[in-house]
Amino acid sequence: MSSRLSIKLHSLQQRGQKAMGIFLTSGFPSPDDTLHLLHAIDQGGADFIELGMPHSDPLAEGLPIQHSSTTALQAGATMKSTLDAVRAFRKTSETPLLLMGYINPILKFGIRTFCTEAALAGADGFIIPDLPPQEASMLRDHAQQDRLHLVFLVAPNTSIERMKQIDQLSDGFVYCVSITGLTGTGLDGQQDTINSYLKDARHIIDKNPLMVGFGIQSHQDAKRLSKHTDGFIVGSAVIKEIKRLWGYSDLTLQKRCQKLTLFIRSLKPTL
């Protein structure tokens, strides 16, 4: 399927460059901030964006993203406000954007309606961590009808056979979780083990590009972990930076967004 995401990733691969994906929780710190933050991330050089759909029980998330979801929900974020932000962002940007979240809110919204509305808003696909690939037909069939990617995850404890199955079922890329833990977990003392796992995954997964995420906090982390992958994804470090910037009451919204843009630019390795 030719799409914004596949065209972008193929172009980067052809140039020997790594893709940088950036995660943002929709509605954090408030729903009014989301569009401004999407533009700041876009201007920072993100090759694709994951926009998190806030959920009260985010199973794979560490404390920073858990906190961002809670804050967003308390501030009034909804599925509709998330789709509205995608629609507004798409008016001025062609940067690929995937919606990331959990299956229960999608079931409540209605799978058919959700896929249709996401496609009309300008989303490029979904990452649903708690949706097992073998049970994903309920979403995959509708997503394919609307030309939306469906990305699945592998982890260090994923068997070789299951990695191959996930590679066949994924569309867009395979999300390679660096550790058996939560987002935002540090990588100290695990680098050799992670590198070995990523190198093996690179040989096993050959249909899709491979993106690594979880635990990437800096330019150095991104450079090390993306050695055996096609790119990397940063989430918790971005959420923490937003929280830090929004803690300065003397900064205008414009200044906060400018500083976030600089932070995003600092993450991408020059390879």
Protein backbone atom coordinates (compact mmCIF):
# COMPACT_ATOMS: atom_id res chain seq x y z
CA MET A 1 0.00 0.00 0.00
CA SER A 2 1.43 3.34 -1.10
CA SER A 3 0.86 5.91 1.62
CA ARG A 4 2.45 8.87 3.35
CA LEU A 5 4.09 6.48 5.83
CA SER A 6 5.41 3.93 3.32
CA ILE A 7 6.69 6.66 0.98
CA LYS A 8 8.49 8.43 3.85
CA LEU A 9 10.11 5.27 5.24
CA HIS A 10 11.15 4.03 1.80
CA SER A 11 12.68 7.41 0.97
CA LEU A 12 14.72 7.40 4.19
CA GLN A 13 15.89 3.82 3.57
CA GLN A 14 17.00 4.75 0.05
CA ARG A 15 19.08 7.60 1.49
CA GLY A 16 20.51 5.44 4.29
CA GLN A 17 18.87 7.57 6.97
CA LYS A 18 17.09 6.55 10.15
CA ALA A 19 13.44 7.45 10.71
CA MET A 20 12.53 9.36 13.85
CA GLY A 21 9.07 8.77 15.31
CA ILE A 22 7.81 11.00 18.11
CA PHE A 23 4.98 10.17 20.52
CA LEU A 24 2.60 12.76 21.94
CA THR A 25 -0.40 12.18 24.18
CA SER A 26 -3.41 13.93 22.72
CA GLY A 27 -4.86 16.43 25.20
CA PHE A 28 -1.68 16.78 27.26
CA PRO A 29 -1.18 19.18 28.96
CA SER A 30 -4.60 20.29 27.62
CA PRO A 31 -6.66 19.66 24.48
CA ASP A 32 -5.97 23.22 23.33
CA ASP A 33 -2.22 22.50 23.31
CA THR A 34 -2.30 19.42 21.09
CA LEU A 35 -2.26 21.09 17.68
CA HIS A 36 0.52 23.49 18.73
CA LEU A 37 2.60 20.57 19.99
CA LEU A 38 2.03 18.56 16.83
CA HIS A 39 3.36 21.47 14.79
CA ALA A 40 6.35 21.88 17.14
CA ILE A 41 7.19 18.19 16.78
CA ASP A 42 6.75 18.39 13.01
CA GLN A 43 9.08 21.39 12.82
CA GLY A 44 11.58 19.48 14.93
CA GLY A 45 12.06 16.99 12.09
CA ALA A 46 9.85 14.06 13.11
CA ASP A 47 9.54 11.64 10.21
CA PHE A 48 6.30 10.33 11.64
CA ILE A 49 4.21 11.08 14.72
CA GLU A 50 2.35 8.78 17.08
CA LEU A 51 -0.60 10.56 18.66
CA GLY A 52 -1.67 8.76 21.81
CA MET A 53 -5.37 8.36 22.48
CA PRO A 54 -5.71 8.92 26.25
CA HIS A 55 -6.95 5.91 28.20
CA SER A 56 -7.50 5.36 31.91
CA ASP A 57 -5.64 2.01 31.88
CA PRO A 58 -2.62 2.26 29.55
CA LEU A 59 -1.12 -1.20 30.05
CA ALA A 60 2.29 -0.73 28.41
CA GLU A 61 3.06 2.75 29.69
CA GLY A 62 5.41 3.93 32.40
CA LEU A 63 4.65 6.78 34.78
CA PRO A 64 5.29 9.76 32.43
CA ILE A 65 2.80 8.59 29.81
CA GLN A 66 0.36 7.27 32.44
CA HIS A 67 0.41 10.73 34.00
CA SER A 68 -0.06 12.42 30.63
CA SER A 69 -3.13 10.28 29.88
CA THR A 70 -4.67 11.03 33.26
CA THR A 71 -3.99 14.75 32.86
CA ALA A 72 -5.46 14.76 29.36
CA LEU A 73 -8.64 12.95 30.43
CA GLN A 74 -9.10 15.27 33.39
CA ALA A 75 -8.68 18.24 31.04
CA GLY A 76 -11.50 16.93 28.85
CA ALA A 77 -9.68 15.04 26.08
CA THR A 78 -11.88 12.67 24.11
CA MET A 79 -11.64 10.53 21.01
CA LYS A 80 -13.41 13.31 19.13
CA SER A 81 -10.92 15.96 20.27
CA THR A 82 -8.08 13.66 19.20
CA LEU A 83 -9.56 13.20 15.73
CA ASP A 84 -10.20 16.95 15.52
CA ALA A 85 -6.51 17.58 16.26
CA VAL A 86 -5.50 15.16 13.49
CA ARG A 87 -7.86 16.89 11.07
CA ALA A 88 -6.48 20.34 11.93
CA PHE A 89 -2.86 19.13 11.69
CA ARG A 90 -3.46 17.55 8.30
CA LYS A 91 -4.53 20.90 6.85
CA THR A 92 -0.92 22.12 6.89
CA SER A 93 1.28 19.00 7.12
CA GLU A 94 1.80 15.77 5.22
CA THR A 95 3.94 14.19 7.96
CA PRO A 96 2.64 10.64 8.61
CA LEU A 97 0.60 10.31 11.79
CA LEU A 98 -0.45 7.10 13.53
CA LEU A 99 -2.98 6.87 16.33
CA MET A 100 -1.69 4.84 19.27
CA GLY A 101 -3.89 3.53 22.04
CA TYR A 102 -5.92 0.66 23.44
CA ILE A 103 -8.75 -1.39 22.06
CA ASN A 104 -11.51 -0.67 24.63
CA PRO A 105 -12.04 3.00 23.69
CA ILE A 106 -12.10 1.96 20.03
CA LEU A 107 -14.73 -0.71 20.73
CA LYS A 108 -16.81 1.86 22.59
CA PHE A 109 -16.49 4.34 19.72
CA GLY A 110 -17.34 1.63 17.20
CA ILE A 111 -14.66 -0.01 15.07
CA ARG A 112 -16.23 0.79 11.69
CA THR A 113 -16.92 4.40 12.68
CA PHE A 114 -13.49 4.80 14.23
CA CYS A 115 -11.66 3.66 11.09
CA THR A 116 -13.79 5.81 8.82
CA GLU A 117 -13.41 8.90 11.00
CA ALA A 118 -9.66 8.37 11.44
CA ALA A 119 -9.17 8.06 7.69
CA LEU A 120 -11.29 11.14 6.98
CA ALA A 121 -9.33 13.11 9.58
CA GLY A 122 -6.05 12.22 7.88
CA ALA A 123 -4.57 9.55 10.14
CA ASP A 124 -2.30 6.98 8.49
CA GLY A 125 -2.81 4.00 10.76
CA PHE A 126 -2.94 2.54 14.25
CA ILE A 127 -0.72 1.01 16.92
CA ILE A 128 -2.81 -0.90 19.48
CA PRO A 129 -0.49 -2.62 22.02
CA ASP A 130 -3.19 -4.70 23.73
CA LEU A 131 -4.65 -6.10 20.50
CA PRO A 132 -3.05 -9.50 19.77
CA PRO A 133 -2.29 -9.95 16.06
CA GLN A 134 -4.25 -13.20 15.88
CA GLU A 135 -7.35 -11.41 17.20
CA ALA A 136 -6.94 -8.25 15.14
CA SER A 137 -9.18 -9.13 12.19
CA MET A 138 -11.99 -7.10 13.79
CA LEU A 139 -9.91 -3.96 13.27
CA ARG A 140 -7.61 -4.99 10.42
CA ASP A 141 -10.39 -5.63 7.91
CA HIS A 142 -11.91 -2.19 8.40
CA ALA A 143 -8.49 -0.51 8.52
CA GLN A 144 -7.53 -2.06 5.19
CA GLN A 145 -10.76 -0.85 3.62
CA ASP A 146 -9.82 2.69 4.62
CA ARG A 147 -6.15 2.23 3.58
CA LEU A 148 -4.90 2.55 7.15
CA HIS A 149 -1.79 0.80 8.42
CA LEU A 150 -1.94 -1.53 11.42
CA VAL A 151 1.37 -1.86 13.27
CA PHE A 152 2.12 -4.70 15.70
CA LEU A 153 4.84 -5.05 18.33
CA VAL A 154 7.59 -7.57 19.09
CA ALA A 155 9.63 -7.79 22.30
CA PRO A 156 12.76 -9.58 23.55
CA ASN A 157 10.64 -12.53 24.70
CA THR A 158 8.86 -12.92 21.33
CA SER A 159 9.72 -16.23 19.68
CA ILE A 160 11.25 -16.36 16.21
CA GLU A 161 8.13 -17.96 14.76
CA ARG A 162 5.88 -15.32 16.29
CA MET A 163 8.15 -12.53 15.01
CA LYS A 164 7.74 -13.92 11.51
CA GLN A 165 3.95 -14.04 11.93
CA ILE A 166 3.85 -10.47 13.26
CA ASP A 167 5.98 -9.30 10.34
CA GLN A 168 3.45 -10.80 7.92
CA LEU A 169 0.45 -9.29 9.73
CA SER A 170 1.96 -5.84 10.30
CA ASP A 171 1.54 -3.12 7.73
CA GLY A 172 3.76 -0.03 7.69
CA PHE A 173 6.46 -1.18 10.09
CA VAL A 174 7.07 -3.50 13.03
CA TYR A 175 7.46 -1.82 16.43
CA CYS A 176 10.39 -3.46 18.20
CA VAL A 177 10.10 -2.97 21.98
CA SER A 178 13.67 -2.73 23.28
CA ILE A 179 13.02 -4.24 26.72
CA THR A 180 10.53 -6.40 28.56
CA GLY A 181 9.22 -3.48 30.58
CA LEU A 182 7.29 -0.23 30.39
CA THR A 183 7.87 2.91 28.38
CA GLY A 184 10.38 5.26 29.96
CA THR A 185 12.43 2.45 31.51
CA GLY A 186 16.17 3.10 31.51
CA LEU A 187 18.54 1.04 29.40
CA ASP A 188 21.51 1.03 31.80
CA GLY A 189 23.38 -2.27 31.89
CA GLN A 190 21.26 -3.84 29.14
CA GLN A 191 22.92 -2.45 26.03
CA ASP A 192 24.72 -5.62 24.90
CA THR A 193 21.62 -7.76 25.39
CA ILE A 194 19.43 -5.25 23.57
CA ASN A 195 21.86 -4.95 20.67
CA SER A 196 21.97 -8.72 20.25
CA TYR A 197 18.17 -8.92 20.28
CA LEU A 198 17.79 -6.07 17.77
CA LYS A 199 20.37 -7.62 15.46
CA ASP A 200 18.48 -10.92 15.52
CA ALA A 201 15.15 -9.17 14.97
CA ARG A 202 16.58 -7.34 11.96
CA HIS A 203 17.39 -10.70 10.32
CA ILE A 204 13.99 -12.22 11.15
CA ILE A 205 11.77 -9.30 10.14
CA ASP A 206 12.21 -8.73 6.42
CA LYS A 207 8.80 -7.65 5.09
CA ASN A 208 8.50 -4.41 7.05
CA PRO A 209 10.81 -1.66 8.24
CA LEU A 210 11.81 -2.11 11.89
CA MET A 211 11.43 0.69 14.46
CA VAL A 212 12.79 0.45 17.99
CA GLY A 213 11.15 2.14 20.98
CA PHE A 214 10.97 2.14 24.80
CA GLY A 215 13.77 3.66 26.89
CA ILE A 216 15.20 6.09 24.33
CA GLN A 217 15.96 9.28 26.22
CA SER A 218 18.65 11.00 24.17
CA HIS A 219 20.52 11.37 20.89
CA GLN A 220 23.05 8.80 22.15
CA ASP A 221 20.33 6.25 22.94
CA ALA A 222 18.76 6.78 19.53
CA LYS A 223 22.07 6.34 17.73
CA ARG A 224 22.98 3.16 19.61
CA LEU A 225 19.61 1.46 19.34
CA SER A 226 18.90 2.35 15.72
CA LYS A 227 22.13 0.73 14.53
CA HIS A 228 20.26 -2.48 13.65
CA THR A 229 16.87 -0.92 12.85
CA ASP A 230 15.37 1.46 10.31
CA GLY A 231 14.58 4.05 12.94
CA PHE A 232 13.52 4.80 16.49
CA ILE A 233 10.59 6.14 18.49
CA VAL A 234 10.77 8.52 21.46
CA GLY A 235 7.82 8.95 23.81
CA SER A 236 8.42 9.33 27.53
CA ALA A 237 11.37 11.70 27.10
CA VAL A 238 9.19 13.99 24.99
CA ILE A 239 6.34 13.89 27.50
CA LYS A 240 8.78 14.73 30.31
CA GLU A 241 10.16 17.65 28.32
CA ILE A 242 6.66 19.00 27.69
CA LYS A 243 5.85 18.71 31.39
CA ARG A 244 9.08 20.56 32.23
CA LEU A 245 8.42 23.36 29.75
CA TRP A 246 4.82 23.80 30.83
CA GLY A 247 6.07 24.15 34.39
CA TYR A 248 7.59 27.55 33.56
CA SER A 249 4.77 30.05 34.00
CA ASP A 250 6.90 32.87 32.54
CA LEU A 251 7.22 31.17 29.14
CA THR A 252 4.71 31.94 26.41
CA LEU A 253 3.14 29.12 24.42
CA GLN A 254 5.27 30.13 21.44
CA LYS A 255 8.49 29.93 23.47
CA ARG A 256 7.53 26.55 24.91
CA CYS A 257 6.87 25.16 21.45
CA GLN A 258 10.13 26.61 20.12
CA LYS A 259 12.08 24.92 22.91
CA LEU A 260 10.28 21.63 22.27
CA THR A 261 11.20 21.88 18.58
CA LEU A 262 14.86 22.27 19.54
CA PHE A 263 14.61 19.26 21.86
CA ILE A 264 13.14 17.11 19.08
CA ARG A 265 15.91 18.18 16.70
CA SER A 266 18.53 17.19 19.28
CA LEU A 267 17.32 13.59 19.32
CA LYS A 268 17.96 12.60 15.73
CA PRO A 269 21.38 11.08 15.03
CA THR A 270 23.41 12.24 12.05
CA LEU A 271 24.45 8.97 10.44
